[in-house]
């Protein structure tokens, strides 16, 4: 874990969007089977919010978020397997305290809403989550690690299928990858994609914001 170089922290939305572009990953980070979905990238001026009824909505960016981006990928259905879906999110805050609060809210959301509606015809069920600070239970790669798992159910894609969300933090940045499994995939198959994507995002965040060695 490198030391954060605070002089590299973005101070404006424009600087944050530039940093997003250097941290965000493409399909190559997951492997040759993974392709871009349509739409590929989220609206940079919008932010997901879990409302009081446990339904996901979008809203304008809150005051503690300088910029955020979610990119969507999938493995096409073929050879008896369904369509596996992956989302990679990078969020830039003003400082480490604000990014830490984002992780805390993620934990609160899964406790408050073990069943969540993504959109019409799509739900997450039986959710549970856990968080590990740096140094806890062999967590040596992120300041705060959060993971969430459960079941994904869709009128289009069937289910229940395995669902995973892994989130990590370095300084003012949080990175996360969510995976929605499909028929023909094991939980271990999907976790491998989620871990690989999260690891690549963290490597790039550390390269951009960490102090140079030596």
N, C-alpha and C. Protein backbone atom coordinates (compact mmCIF):
# COMPACT_ATOMS: atom_id res chain seq x y z
N UNK A 1 0.85 -1.20 0.00
CA UNK A 1 0.00 0.00 0.00
C UNK A 1 0.88 1.25 0.00
N UNK A 2 0.92 1.99 -1.10
CA UNK A 2 1.76 3.19 -1.13
C UNK A 2 1.15 4.29 -0.28
N UNK A 3 1.97 5.28 0.08
CA UNK A 3 1.46 6.43 0.80
C UNK A 3 0.76 7.37 -0.18
N UNK A 4 -0.37 7.91 0.22
CA UNK A 4 -1.12 8.83 -0.63
C UNK A 4 -0.34 10.13 -0.81
N UNK A 5 -0.23 10.59 -2.04
CA UNK A 5 0.36 11.89 -2.34
C UNK A 5 -0.79 12.90 -2.44
N UNK A 6 -1.02 13.63 -1.36
CA UNK A 6 -2.17 14.52 -1.31
C UNK A 6 -2.11 15.62 -2.36
N UNK A 7 -0.92 15.93 -2.84
CA UNK A 7 -0.81 16.96 -3.88
C UNK A 7 -1.43 16.52 -5.20
N UNK A 8 -1.65 15.22 -5.34
CA UNK A 8 -2.23 14.69 -6.58
C UNK A 8 -3.76 14.59 -6.50
N UNK A 9 -4.34 14.90 -5.36
CA UNK A 9 -5.79 14.81 -5.21
C UNK A 9 -6.48 15.89 -6.06
N UNK A 10 -7.49 15.51 -6.85
CA UNK A 10 -8.21 16.52 -7.64
C UNK A 10 -8.92 17.52 -6.74
N UNK A 11 -8.95 18.76 -7.20
CA UNK A 11 -9.63 19.80 -6.44
C UNK A 11 -10.86 20.34 -7.16
N UNK A 12 -11.01 20.01 -8.41
CA UNK A 12 -12.17 20.46 -9.18
C UNK A 12 -12.81 19.27 -9.88
N UNK A 13 -14.03 19.47 -10.36
CA UNK A 13 -14.72 18.41 -11.08
C UNK A 13 -13.97 18.04 -12.36
N UNK A 14 -13.40 19.04 -13.03
CA UNK A 14 -12.66 18.77 -14.26
C UNK A 14 -11.44 17.90 -13.98
N UNK A 15 -10.71 18.21 -12.90
CA UNK A 15 -9.55 17.40 -12.53
C UNK A 15 -9.98 15.98 -12.16
N UNK A 16 -11.12 15.87 -11.49
CA UNK A 16 -11.63 14.56 -11.08
C UNK A 16 -12.02 13.72 -12.30
N UNK A 17 -12.65 14.34 -13.28
CA UNK A 17 -13.04 13.61 -14.49
C UNK A 17 -11.80 13.14 -15.26
N UNK A 18 -10.76 13.96 -15.25
CA UNK A 18 -9.51 13.56 -15.89
C UNK A 18 -8.90 12.35 -15.18
N UNK A 19 -8.94 12.36 -13.85
CA UNK A 19 -8.44 11.23 -13.08
C UNK A 19 -9.26 9.98 -13.35
N UNK A 20 -10.58 10.12 -13.44
CA UNK A 20 -11.45 8.99 -13.76
C UNK A 20 -11.00 8.29 -15.03
N UNK A 21 -10.69 9.08 -16.04
CA UNK A 21 -10.29 8.52 -17.31
C UNK A 21 -9.01 7.71 -17.23
N UNK A 22 -8.15 8.06 -16.27
CA UNK A 22 -6.88 7.34 -16.13
C UNK A 22 -7.00 6.10 -15.25
N UNK A 23 -8.05 6.04 -14.43
CA UNK A 23 -8.24 4.89 -13.55
C UNK A 23 -9.20 3.86 -14.14
N UNK A 24 -10.25 4.32 -14.82
CA UNK A 24 -11.30 3.43 -15.34
C UNK A 24 -10.71 2.37 -16.26
N UNK A 25 -11.33 1.19 -16.27
CA UNK A 25 -10.81 0.07 -17.05
C UNK A 25 -11.67 -0.20 -18.27
N UNK A 26 -11.09 -0.93 -19.20
CA UNK A 26 -11.80 -1.39 -20.39
C UNK A 26 -12.02 -2.89 -20.28
N UNK A 27 -12.64 -3.45 -21.28
CA UNK A 27 -12.95 -4.89 -21.27
C UNK A 27 -11.70 -5.76 -21.18
N UNK A 28 -10.57 -5.24 -21.66
CA UNK A 28 -9.33 -6.01 -21.64
C UNK A 28 -8.90 -6.39 -20.22
N UNK A 29 -9.33 -5.61 -19.22
CA UNK A 29 -8.96 -5.91 -17.83
C UNK A 29 -9.59 -7.20 -17.33
N UNK A 30 -10.68 -7.64 -17.97
CA UNK A 30 -11.40 -8.85 -17.53
C UNK A 30 -11.02 -10.10 -18.32
N UNK A 31 -10.56 -9.92 -19.55
CA UNK A 31 -10.22 -11.08 -20.35
C UNK A 31 -10.90 -11.07 -21.71
N UNK A 32 -10.52 -12.00 -22.59
CA UNK A 32 -10.96 -11.96 -23.98
C UNK A 32 -12.44 -12.21 -24.21
N UNK A 33 -13.12 -12.86 -23.27
CA UNK A 33 -14.55 -13.15 -23.46
C UNK A 33 -15.44 -11.92 -23.23
N UNK A 34 -14.94 -10.96 -22.49
CA UNK A 34 -15.76 -9.84 -22.04
C UNK A 34 -15.81 -8.73 -23.10
N UNK A 35 -17.03 -8.22 -23.35
CA UNK A 35 -17.22 -7.15 -24.33
C UNK A 35 -17.97 -5.99 -23.67
N UNK A 36 -17.98 -4.84 -24.35
CA UNK A 36 -18.71 -3.68 -23.84
C UNK A 36 -20.22 -3.86 -24.02
N UNK A 37 -20.96 -3.36 -23.04
CA UNK A 37 -22.42 -3.34 -23.16
C UNK A 37 -22.86 -2.01 -23.73
N UNK A 38 -24.14 -1.94 -24.10
CA UNK A 38 -24.73 -0.69 -24.58
C UNK A 38 -25.95 -0.37 -23.72
N UNK A 39 -25.99 0.80 -23.04
CA UNK A 39 -24.96 1.85 -23.03
C UNK A 39 -23.72 1.38 -22.26
N UNK A 40 -22.57 1.97 -22.65
CA UNK A 40 -21.30 1.55 -22.07
C UNK A 40 -20.95 2.32 -20.80
N UNK A 41 -21.15 3.65 -20.83
CA UNK A 41 -20.73 4.49 -19.71
C UNK A 41 -21.90 5.31 -19.19
N UNK A 42 -21.98 5.43 -17.87
CA UNK A 42 -23.09 6.14 -17.24
C UNK A 42 -22.99 7.65 -17.46
N UNK A 43 -24.09 8.34 -17.23
CA UNK A 43 -24.13 9.80 -17.29
C UNK A 43 -23.22 10.37 -16.20
N UNK A 44 -22.20 11.15 -16.54
CA UNK A 44 -21.26 11.64 -15.53
C UNK A 44 -21.88 12.59 -14.52
N UNK A 45 -23.07 13.10 -14.81
CA UNK A 45 -23.71 14.02 -13.88
C UNK A 45 -24.76 13.38 -12.99
N UNK A 46 -24.84 12.04 -13.03
CA UNK A 46 -25.87 11.34 -12.24
C UNK A 46 -25.22 10.37 -11.26
N UNK A 47 -25.97 10.02 -10.25
CA UNK A 47 -25.46 9.23 -9.12
C UNK A 47 -26.56 8.28 -8.66
N UNK A 48 -26.27 6.98 -8.42
CA UNK A 48 -27.30 6.05 -7.95
C UNK A 48 -27.64 6.27 -6.48
N UNK A 49 -28.92 6.24 -6.18
CA UNK A 49 -29.41 6.45 -4.82
C UNK A 49 -30.43 5.37 -4.49
N UNK A 50 -30.27 4.72 -3.34
CA UNK A 50 -31.22 3.71 -2.88
C UNK A 50 -32.26 4.40 -2.01
N UNK A 51 -33.52 4.45 -2.49
CA UNK A 51 -34.53 5.23 -1.79
C UNK A 51 -35.09 4.49 -0.58
N UNK A 52 -36.05 5.11 0.09
CA UNK A 52 -36.60 4.55 1.33
C UNK A 52 -37.33 3.23 1.09
N UNK A 53 -37.77 3.00 -0.14
CA UNK A 53 -38.47 1.75 -0.48
C UNK A 53 -37.53 0.70 -1.05
N UNK A 54 -36.23 0.93 -0.92
CA UNK A 54 -35.20 -0.01 -1.40
C UNK A 54 -35.23 -0.18 -2.91
N UNK A 55 -35.53 0.91 -3.61
CA UNK A 55 -35.52 0.93 -5.07
C UNK A 55 -34.42 1.88 -5.52
N UNK A 56 -33.59 1.43 -6.46
CA UNK A 56 -32.50 2.27 -6.95
C UNK A 56 -33.02 3.32 -7.92
N UNK A 57 -32.63 4.57 -7.67
CA UNK A 57 -32.98 5.70 -8.52
C UNK A 57 -31.67 6.41 -8.92
N UNK A 58 -31.77 7.39 -9.79
CA UNK A 58 -30.60 8.23 -10.07
C UNK A 58 -30.92 9.67 -9.70
N UNK A 59 -29.89 10.38 -9.25
CA UNK A 59 -30.03 11.78 -8.85
C UNK A 59 -28.76 12.52 -9.24
N UNK A 60 -28.78 13.84 -9.09
CA UNK A 60 -27.59 14.62 -9.33
C UNK A 60 -26.50 14.28 -8.33
N UNK A 61 -25.26 14.61 -8.67
CA UNK A 61 -24.15 14.28 -7.79
C UNK A 61 -24.27 15.00 -6.45
N UNK A 62 -24.03 14.29 -5.34
CA UNK A 62 -24.05 14.95 -4.03
C UNK A 62 -22.81 15.83 -3.87
N UNK A 63 -22.84 16.66 -2.83
CA UNK A 63 -21.76 17.63 -2.64
C UNK A 63 -20.40 16.98 -2.41
N UNK A 64 -20.37 15.75 -1.89
CA UNK A 64 -19.09 15.11 -1.58
C UNK A 64 -18.52 14.31 -2.74
N UNK A 65 -19.15 14.34 -3.91
CA UNK A 65 -18.65 13.61 -5.08
C UNK A 65 -18.24 14.60 -6.16
N UNK A 66 -16.96 14.55 -6.55
CA UNK A 66 -16.48 15.40 -7.63
C UNK A 66 -16.80 14.82 -9.00
N UNK A 67 -16.71 13.50 -9.11
CA UNK A 67 -16.99 12.83 -10.39
C UNK A 67 -17.18 11.35 -10.15
N UNK A 68 -17.97 10.71 -11.00
CA UNK A 68 -18.16 9.26 -10.91
C UNK A 68 -18.46 8.71 -12.29
N UNK A 69 -18.13 7.46 -12.49
CA UNK A 69 -18.37 6.82 -13.78
C UNK A 69 -18.57 5.33 -13.57
N UNK A 70 -19.58 4.77 -14.23
CA UNK A 70 -19.79 3.33 -14.24
C UNK A 70 -19.75 2.84 -15.68
N UNK A 71 -18.91 1.86 -15.93
CA UNK A 71 -18.83 1.23 -17.25
C UNK A 71 -19.43 -0.17 -17.18
N UNK A 72 -20.16 -0.54 -18.22
CA UNK A 72 -20.88 -1.81 -18.23
C UNK A 72 -20.30 -2.77 -19.28
N UNK A 73 -20.17 -4.03 -18.88
CA UNK A 73 -19.59 -5.07 -19.72
C UNK A 73 -20.44 -6.34 -19.59
N UNK A 74 -20.21 -7.29 -20.48
CA UNK A 74 -20.88 -8.58 -20.35
C UNK A 74 -20.14 -9.65 -21.14
N UNK A 75 -20.45 -10.89 -20.83
CA UNK A 75 -20.05 -12.02 -21.67
C UNK A 75 -21.32 -12.50 -22.36
N UNK A 76 -21.36 -12.47 -23.68
CA UNK A 76 -22.58 -12.86 -24.39
C UNK A 76 -23.00 -14.30 -24.08
N UNK A 77 -24.30 -14.52 -24.11
CA UNK A 77 -24.83 -15.87 -23.92
C UNK A 77 -24.43 -16.76 -25.11
N UNK A 78 -23.88 -17.94 -24.81
CA UNK A 78 -23.53 -18.89 -25.86
C UNK A 78 -23.16 -20.23 -25.24
N UNK A 79 -23.22 -21.26 -26.04
CA UNK A 79 -22.81 -22.61 -25.61
C UNK A 79 -23.49 -23.04 -24.33
N UNK A 80 -24.78 -22.73 -24.22
CA UNK A 80 -25.55 -23.15 -23.05
C UNK A 80 -25.39 -22.29 -21.82
N UNK A 81 -24.60 -21.23 -21.92
CA UNK A 81 -24.42 -20.32 -20.79
C UNK A 81 -25.21 -19.04 -21.04
N UNK A 82 -25.68 -18.43 -19.94
CA UNK A 82 -26.41 -17.18 -20.03
C UNK A 82 -25.49 -15.98 -20.16
N UNK A 83 -26.05 -14.80 -20.05
CA UNK A 83 -25.31 -13.54 -20.22
C UNK A 83 -24.81 -13.06 -18.86
N UNK A 84 -23.51 -13.14 -18.62
CA UNK A 84 -22.91 -12.67 -17.37
C UNK A 84 -22.65 -11.18 -17.50
N UNK A 85 -23.04 -10.39 -16.48
CA UNK A 85 -22.94 -8.94 -16.53
C UNK A 85 -21.95 -8.41 -15.49
N UNK A 86 -21.18 -7.39 -15.89
CA UNK A 86 -20.19 -6.77 -15.01
C UNK A 86 -20.29 -5.25 -15.11
N UNK A 87 -20.21 -4.58 -13.97
CA UNK A 87 -20.18 -3.11 -13.93
C UNK A 87 -18.96 -2.67 -13.13
N UNK A 88 -18.21 -1.71 -13.65
CA UNK A 88 -17.03 -1.19 -12.95
C UNK A 88 -17.22 0.29 -12.69
N UNK A 89 -17.13 0.69 -11.42
CA UNK A 89 -17.41 2.06 -11.00
C UNK A 89 -16.18 2.69 -10.35
N UNK A 90 -15.91 3.93 -10.72
CA UNK A 90 -14.87 4.73 -10.06
C UNK A 90 -15.52 6.03 -9.59
N UNK A 91 -15.30 6.39 -8.34
CA UNK A 91 -15.86 7.63 -7.78
C UNK A 91 -14.74 8.43 -7.12
N UNK A 92 -14.69 9.71 -7.42
CA UNK A 92 -13.67 10.60 -6.86
C UNK A 92 -14.31 11.61 -5.92
N UNK A 93 -13.85 11.62 -4.68
CA UNK A 93 -14.30 12.57 -3.67
C UNK A 93 -13.23 13.65 -3.47
N UNK A 94 -13.52 14.59 -2.58
CA UNK A 94 -12.55 15.63 -2.26
C UNK A 94 -11.38 15.10 -1.43
N UNK A 95 -11.67 14.10 -0.57
CA UNK A 95 -10.64 13.63 0.35
C UNK A 95 -10.97 12.22 0.83
N UNK A 96 -10.06 11.68 1.66
CA UNK A 96 -10.19 10.32 2.17
C UNK A 96 -11.41 10.17 3.09
N UNK A 97 -11.72 11.20 3.85
CA UNK A 97 -12.86 11.11 4.76
C UNK A 97 -14.16 10.89 4.01
N UNK A 98 -14.34 11.61 2.91
CA UNK A 98 -15.57 11.47 2.14
C UNK A 98 -15.67 10.10 1.47
N UNK A 99 -14.57 9.58 0.95
CA UNK A 99 -14.62 8.26 0.34
C UNK A 99 -14.89 7.18 1.39
N UNK A 100 -14.40 7.41 2.61
CA UNK A 100 -14.68 6.47 3.70
C UNK A 100 -16.16 6.44 4.05
N UNK A 101 -16.80 7.60 4.01
CA UNK A 101 -18.23 7.65 4.29
C UNK A 101 -19.04 6.93 3.20
N UNK A 102 -18.54 6.97 1.96
CA UNK A 102 -19.24 6.23 0.90
C UNK A 102 -19.27 4.74 1.21
N UNK A 103 -18.14 4.21 1.68
CA UNK A 103 -18.09 2.79 2.03
C UNK A 103 -19.02 2.50 3.21
N UNK A 104 -19.07 3.40 4.18
CA UNK A 104 -19.96 3.22 5.33
C UNK A 104 -21.42 3.19 4.88
N UNK A 105 -21.78 4.07 3.94
CA UNK A 105 -23.16 4.08 3.44
C UNK A 105 -23.50 2.80 2.69
N UNK A 106 -22.52 2.23 1.97
CA UNK A 106 -22.76 0.97 1.28
C UNK A 106 -23.10 -0.13 2.27
N UNK A 107 -22.41 -0.15 3.40
CA UNK A 107 -22.71 -1.14 4.43
C UNK A 107 -24.09 -0.90 5.03
N UNK A 108 -24.42 0.36 5.26
CA UNK A 108 -25.74 0.69 5.81
C UNK A 108 -26.86 0.26 4.86
N UNK A 109 -26.63 0.42 3.57
CA UNK A 109 -27.66 0.09 2.59
C UNK A 109 -27.98 -1.40 2.56
N UNK A 110 -26.97 -2.24 2.65
CA UNK A 110 -27.23 -3.67 2.60
C UNK A 110 -27.91 -4.14 3.88
N UNK A 111 -27.62 -3.48 5.01
CA UNK A 111 -28.31 -3.82 6.26
C UNK A 111 -29.76 -3.35 6.23
N UNK A 112 -29.98 -2.18 5.65
CA UNK A 112 -31.33 -1.61 5.58
C UNK A 112 -32.20 -2.31 4.54
N UNK A 113 -31.57 -2.74 3.44
CA UNK A 113 -32.34 -3.28 2.31
C UNK A 113 -31.72 -4.59 1.83
N UNK A 114 -32.01 -5.72 2.50
CA UNK A 114 -31.50 -7.00 2.01
C UNK A 114 -32.14 -7.44 0.69
N UNK A 115 -33.25 -6.78 0.33
CA UNK A 115 -33.86 -6.96 -0.99
C UNK A 115 -33.90 -5.59 -1.66
N UNK A 116 -33.35 -5.49 -2.88
CA UNK A 116 -33.27 -4.21 -3.58
C UNK A 116 -33.77 -4.37 -5.01
N UNK A 117 -34.52 -3.39 -5.45
CA UNK A 117 -35.02 -3.39 -6.83
C UNK A 117 -34.10 -2.53 -7.69
N UNK A 118 -33.48 -3.13 -8.69
CA UNK A 118 -32.58 -2.40 -9.58
C UNK A 118 -33.37 -1.57 -10.59
N UNK A 119 -34.34 -2.21 -11.19
CA UNK A 119 -35.25 -1.57 -12.16
C UNK A 119 -36.41 -2.52 -12.34
N UNK A 120 -37.38 -2.17 -13.15
CA UNK A 120 -38.54 -3.03 -13.35
C UNK A 120 -38.07 -4.39 -13.91
N UNK A 121 -38.43 -5.46 -13.18
CA UNK A 121 -38.08 -6.80 -13.63
C UNK A 121 -36.73 -7.30 -13.17
N UNK A 122 -36.00 -6.52 -12.33
CA UNK A 122 -34.68 -6.93 -11.84
C UNK A 122 -34.57 -6.65 -10.35
N UNK A 123 -34.18 -7.67 -9.59
CA UNK A 123 -34.04 -7.52 -8.14
C UNK A 123 -32.78 -8.22 -7.63
N UNK A 124 -32.28 -7.71 -6.51
CA UNK A 124 -31.25 -8.38 -5.73
C UNK A 124 -31.89 -8.86 -4.44
N UNK A 125 -31.61 -10.11 -4.05
CA UNK A 125 -32.24 -10.68 -2.87
C UNK A 125 -31.20 -11.34 -1.96
N UNK A 126 -31.61 -11.49 -0.68
CA UNK A 126 -30.77 -12.17 0.31
C UNK A 126 -29.37 -11.58 0.39
N UNK A 127 -29.30 -10.26 0.38
CA UNK A 127 -28.01 -9.58 0.40
C UNK A 127 -27.40 -9.56 1.80
N UNK A 128 -26.11 -9.70 1.84
CA UNK A 128 -25.36 -9.47 3.08
C UNK A 128 -24.00 -8.90 2.69
N UNK A 129 -23.39 -8.20 3.64
CA UNK A 129 -22.13 -7.55 3.32
C UNK A 129 -21.20 -7.49 4.51
N UNK A 130 -19.95 -7.16 4.23
CA UNK A 130 -18.95 -7.03 5.29
C UNK A 130 -17.85 -6.08 4.87
N UNK A 131 -17.20 -5.46 5.86
CA UNK A 131 -16.16 -4.48 5.59
C UNK A 131 -14.93 -4.79 6.42
N UNK A 132 -13.75 -4.63 5.81
CA UNK A 132 -12.48 -4.86 6.49
C UNK A 132 -11.56 -3.67 6.30
N UNK A 133 -11.09 -3.08 7.40
CA UNK A 133 -10.13 -2.00 7.30
C UNK A 133 -8.75 -2.55 6.96
N UNK A 134 -7.87 -1.67 6.54
CA UNK A 134 -6.50 -2.05 6.23
C UNK A 134 -5.87 -2.75 7.43
N UNK A 135 -5.33 -3.94 7.19
CA UNK A 135 -4.70 -4.70 8.26
C UNK A 135 -5.57 -5.76 8.90
N UNK A 136 -6.88 -5.69 8.68
CA UNK A 136 -7.79 -6.68 9.25
C UNK A 136 -7.88 -7.90 8.34
N UNK A 137 -7.73 -9.10 8.93
CA UNK A 137 -7.89 -10.37 8.23
C UNK A 137 -7.19 -10.38 6.87
N UNK A 138 -5.93 -10.03 6.89
CA UNK A 138 -5.06 -10.08 5.71
C UNK A 138 -5.43 -9.06 4.64
N UNK A 139 -6.20 -8.04 4.98
CA UNK A 139 -6.46 -6.96 4.01
C UNK A 139 -5.26 -6.03 4.00
N UNK A 140 -4.41 -6.20 3.01
CA UNK A 140 -3.24 -5.34 2.88
C UNK A 140 -3.22 -4.55 1.59
N UNK A 141 -4.36 -4.52 0.90
CA UNK A 141 -4.36 -3.91 -0.44
C UNK A 141 -5.27 -2.70 -0.58
N UNK A 142 -6.13 -2.44 0.41
CA UNK A 142 -7.05 -1.31 0.34
C UNK A 142 -7.29 -0.73 1.72
N UNK A 143 -7.53 0.57 1.79
CA UNK A 143 -7.78 1.21 3.07
C UNK A 143 -9.07 0.72 3.71
N UNK A 144 -10.05 0.38 2.89
CA UNK A 144 -11.32 -0.13 3.40
C UNK A 144 -11.92 -1.03 2.33
N UNK A 145 -12.04 -2.30 2.62
CA UNK A 145 -12.60 -3.25 1.66
C UNK A 145 -14.04 -3.56 2.04
N UNK A 146 -14.94 -3.46 1.08
CA UNK A 146 -16.34 -3.81 1.31
C UNK A 146 -16.77 -4.83 0.27
N UNK A 147 -17.46 -5.87 0.71
CA UNK A 147 -17.98 -6.87 -0.22
C UNK A 147 -19.44 -7.16 0.11
N UNK A 148 -20.18 -7.45 -0.94
CA UNK A 148 -21.61 -7.71 -0.82
C UNK A 148 -21.94 -8.90 -1.70
N UNK A 149 -22.78 -9.79 -1.23
CA UNK A 149 -23.17 -10.94 -2.04
C UNK A 149 -24.64 -11.25 -1.82
N UNK A 150 -25.21 -11.94 -2.78
CA UNK A 150 -26.62 -12.30 -2.70
C UNK A 150 -27.05 -12.97 -3.99
N UNK A 151 -28.32 -12.75 -4.34
CA UNK A 151 -28.90 -13.38 -5.52
C UNK A 151 -29.47 -12.32 -6.46
N UNK A 152 -29.30 -12.55 -7.74
CA UNK A 152 -29.82 -11.68 -8.80
C UNK A 152 -30.96 -12.42 -9.50
N UNK A 153 -32.11 -11.75 -9.60
CA UNK A 153 -33.29 -12.34 -10.23
C UNK A 153 -33.80 -11.37 -11.29
N UNK A 154 -34.07 -11.89 -12.48
CA UNK A 154 -34.49 -11.05 -13.59
C UNK A 154 -35.56 -11.76 -14.40
N UNK A 155 -36.59 -11.02 -14.80
CA UNK A 155 -37.61 -11.62 -15.66
C UNK A 155 -37.02 -11.98 -17.03
N UNK A 156 -35.99 -11.27 -17.46
CA UNK A 156 -35.35 -11.52 -18.75
C UNK A 156 -34.29 -12.60 -18.67
N UNK A 157 -33.47 -12.56 -17.60
CA UNK A 157 -32.33 -13.48 -17.51
C UNK A 157 -32.55 -14.62 -16.52
N UNK A 158 -33.73 -14.68 -15.90
CA UNK A 158 -34.02 -15.78 -14.99
C UNK A 158 -33.35 -15.62 -13.63
N UNK A 159 -33.10 -16.75 -13.02
CA UNK A 159 -32.48 -16.74 -11.70
C UNK A 159 -33.31 -17.52 -10.69
N UNK A 160 -32.83 -17.53 -9.45
CA UNK A 160 -31.75 -16.69 -8.92
C UNK A 160 -30.37 -17.10 -9.40
N UNK A 161 -29.54 -16.08 -9.68
CA UNK A 161 -28.14 -16.25 -10.04
C UNK A 161 -27.27 -15.57 -8.98
N UNK A 162 -26.02 -15.95 -8.92
CA UNK A 162 -25.10 -15.34 -7.95
C UNK A 162 -24.88 -13.86 -8.26
N UNK A 163 -24.76 -13.07 -7.20
CA UNK A 163 -24.47 -11.63 -7.32
C UNK A 163 -23.34 -11.29 -6.37
N UNK A 164 -22.39 -10.46 -6.85
CA UNK A 164 -21.27 -10.01 -6.01
C UNK A 164 -20.97 -8.54 -6.29
N UNK A 165 -20.55 -7.85 -5.22
CA UNK A 165 -20.09 -6.46 -5.34
C UNK A 165 -18.85 -6.32 -4.46
N UNK A 166 -17.74 -5.92 -5.04
CA UNK A 166 -16.52 -5.67 -4.27
C UNK A 166 -16.13 -4.21 -4.44
N UNK A 167 -15.86 -3.53 -3.32
CA UNK A 167 -15.49 -2.12 -3.35
C UNK A 167 -14.21 -1.91 -2.56
N UNK A 168 -13.35 -1.03 -3.05
CA UNK A 168 -12.08 -0.75 -2.40
C UNK A 168 -11.85 0.76 -2.40
N UNK A 169 -10.93 1.21 -1.54
CA UNK A 169 -10.70 2.65 -1.36
C UNK A 169 -9.21 2.94 -1.31
N UNK A 170 -8.82 4.01 -1.99
CA UNK A 170 -7.47 4.55 -1.84
C UNK A 170 -7.57 6.07 -1.86
N UNK A 171 -7.27 6.68 -0.72
CA UNK A 171 -7.38 8.13 -0.62
C UNK A 171 -8.78 8.59 -0.93
N UNK A 172 -8.95 9.56 -1.84
CA UNK A 172 -10.27 10.11 -2.15
C UNK A 172 -11.07 9.28 -3.14
N UNK A 173 -10.51 8.15 -3.57
CA UNK A 173 -11.13 7.37 -4.65
C UNK A 173 -11.69 6.05 -4.12
N UNK A 174 -12.88 5.71 -4.57
CA UNK A 174 -13.41 4.36 -4.38
C UNK A 174 -13.56 3.71 -5.74
N UNK A 175 -13.29 2.42 -5.79
CA UNK A 175 -13.48 1.63 -7.01
C UNK A 175 -14.33 0.42 -6.65
N UNK A 176 -15.13 -0.03 -7.60
CA UNK A 176 -16.00 -1.17 -7.31
C UNK A 176 -16.33 -1.91 -8.59
N UNK A 177 -16.53 -3.22 -8.45
CA UNK A 177 -17.00 -4.04 -9.55
C UNK A 177 -18.15 -4.90 -9.05
N UNK A 178 -19.25 -4.89 -9.79
CA UNK A 178 -20.40 -5.72 -9.49
C UNK A 178 -20.55 -6.78 -10.56
N UNK A 179 -20.90 -7.99 -10.15
CA UNK A 179 -21.11 -9.07 -11.10
C UNK A 179 -22.46 -9.73 -10.91
N UNK A 180 -23.18 -9.93 -12.00
CA UNK A 180 -24.45 -10.66 -12.00
C UNK A 180 -24.23 -11.91 -12.83
N UNK A 181 -24.29 -13.05 -12.19
CA UNK A 181 -23.98 -14.29 -12.85
C UNK A 181 -25.14 -14.74 -13.75
N UNK A 182 -24.97 -15.90 -14.36
CA UNK A 182 -25.97 -16.42 -15.28
C UNK A 182 -25.88 -17.94 -15.30
N UNK A 183 -26.83 -18.57 -15.97
CA UNK A 183 -26.82 -20.02 -16.08
C UNK A 183 -25.51 -20.49 -16.70
N UNK A 184 -24.95 -21.56 -16.13
CA UNK A 184 -23.70 -22.11 -16.66
C UNK A 184 -22.45 -21.61 -15.99
N UNK A 185 -22.58 -20.65 -15.07
CA UNK A 185 -21.43 -20.12 -14.35
C UNK A 185 -21.54 -20.47 -12.87
N UNK A 186 -20.43 -20.80 -12.26
CA UNK A 186 -20.39 -21.00 -10.81
C UNK A 186 -20.13 -19.66 -10.12
N UNK A 187 -20.35 -19.62 -8.83
CA UNK A 187 -20.04 -18.42 -8.07
C UNK A 187 -18.54 -18.11 -8.17
N UNK A 188 -17.72 -19.14 -8.18
CA UNK A 188 -16.26 -18.94 -8.28
C UNK A 188 -15.88 -18.32 -9.62
N UNK A 189 -16.58 -18.72 -10.69
CA UNK A 189 -16.32 -18.12 -12.00
C UNK A 189 -16.52 -16.61 -11.96
N UNK A 190 -17.66 -16.20 -11.39
CA UNK A 190 -17.99 -14.79 -11.39
C UNK A 190 -17.09 -14.00 -10.43
N UNK A 191 -16.79 -14.57 -9.27
CA UNK A 191 -15.92 -13.89 -8.31
C UNK A 191 -14.55 -13.62 -8.93
N UNK A 192 -14.07 -14.52 -9.76
CA UNK A 192 -12.77 -14.31 -10.40
C UNK A 192 -12.78 -13.05 -11.26
N UNK A 193 -13.87 -12.82 -11.99
CA UNK A 193 -13.98 -11.60 -12.80
C UNK A 193 -14.05 -10.36 -11.91
N UNK A 194 -14.84 -10.43 -10.85
CA UNK A 194 -15.01 -9.28 -9.95
C UNK A 194 -13.70 -8.92 -9.27
N UNK A 195 -12.98 -9.91 -8.77
CA UNK A 195 -11.71 -9.67 -8.10
C UNK A 195 -10.68 -9.12 -9.08
N UNK A 196 -10.66 -9.68 -10.28
CA UNK A 196 -9.70 -9.22 -11.29
C UNK A 196 -9.93 -7.76 -11.65
N UNK A 197 -11.20 -7.39 -11.85
CA UNK A 197 -11.51 -6.01 -12.19
C UNK A 197 -11.20 -5.04 -11.07
N UNK A 198 -11.57 -5.41 -9.84
CA UNK A 198 -11.31 -4.54 -8.69
C UNK A 198 -9.81 -4.35 -8.48
N UNK A 199 -9.06 -5.42 -8.63
CA UNK A 199 -7.61 -5.34 -8.45
C UNK A 199 -6.98 -4.41 -9.48
N UNK A 200 -7.42 -4.51 -10.73
CA UNK A 200 -6.86 -3.64 -11.77
C UNK A 200 -7.19 -2.17 -11.49
N UNK A 201 -8.41 -1.90 -11.05
CA UNK A 201 -8.79 -0.53 -10.72
C UNK A 201 -7.92 0.02 -9.59
N UNK A 202 -7.69 -0.80 -8.58
CA UNK A 202 -6.89 -0.33 -7.45
C UNK A 202 -5.43 -0.09 -7.84
N UNK A 203 -4.90 -0.95 -8.67
CA UNK A 203 -3.52 -0.75 -9.14
C UNK A 203 -3.41 0.61 -9.83
N UNK A 204 -4.38 0.92 -10.68
CA UNK A 204 -4.32 2.17 -11.42
C UNK A 204 -4.56 3.37 -10.52
N UNK A 205 -5.43 3.24 -9.51
CA UNK A 205 -5.65 4.32 -8.56
C UNK A 205 -4.37 4.62 -7.77
N UNK A 206 -3.67 3.57 -7.35
CA UNK A 206 -2.43 3.74 -6.59
C UNK A 206 -1.34 4.36 -7.46
N UNK A 207 -1.29 3.94 -8.72
CA UNK A 207 -0.30 4.53 -9.62
C UNK A 207 -0.53 6.01 -9.82
N UNK A 208 -1.78 6.44 -9.86
CA UNK A 208 -2.11 7.84 -10.11
C UNK A 208 -1.98 8.71 -8.87
N UNK A 209 -2.25 8.16 -7.68
CA UNK A 209 -2.33 8.98 -6.47
C UNK A 209 -1.29 8.66 -5.41
N UNK A 210 -0.54 7.59 -5.59
CA UNK A 210 0.45 7.22 -4.58
C UNK A 210 1.75 7.98 -4.74
N UNK A 211 2.49 8.11 -3.64
CA UNK A 211 3.81 8.73 -3.69
C UNK A 211 4.79 7.78 -4.36
N UNK A 212 5.70 8.34 -5.13
CA UNK A 212 6.70 7.54 -5.82
C UNK A 212 7.63 6.90 -4.80
N UNK A 213 8.03 5.67 -5.05
CA UNK A 213 8.94 4.97 -4.14
C UNK A 213 10.34 5.58 -4.22
N UNK A 214 11.04 5.50 -3.09
CA UNK A 214 12.43 5.97 -3.09
C UNK A 214 12.60 7.34 -2.51
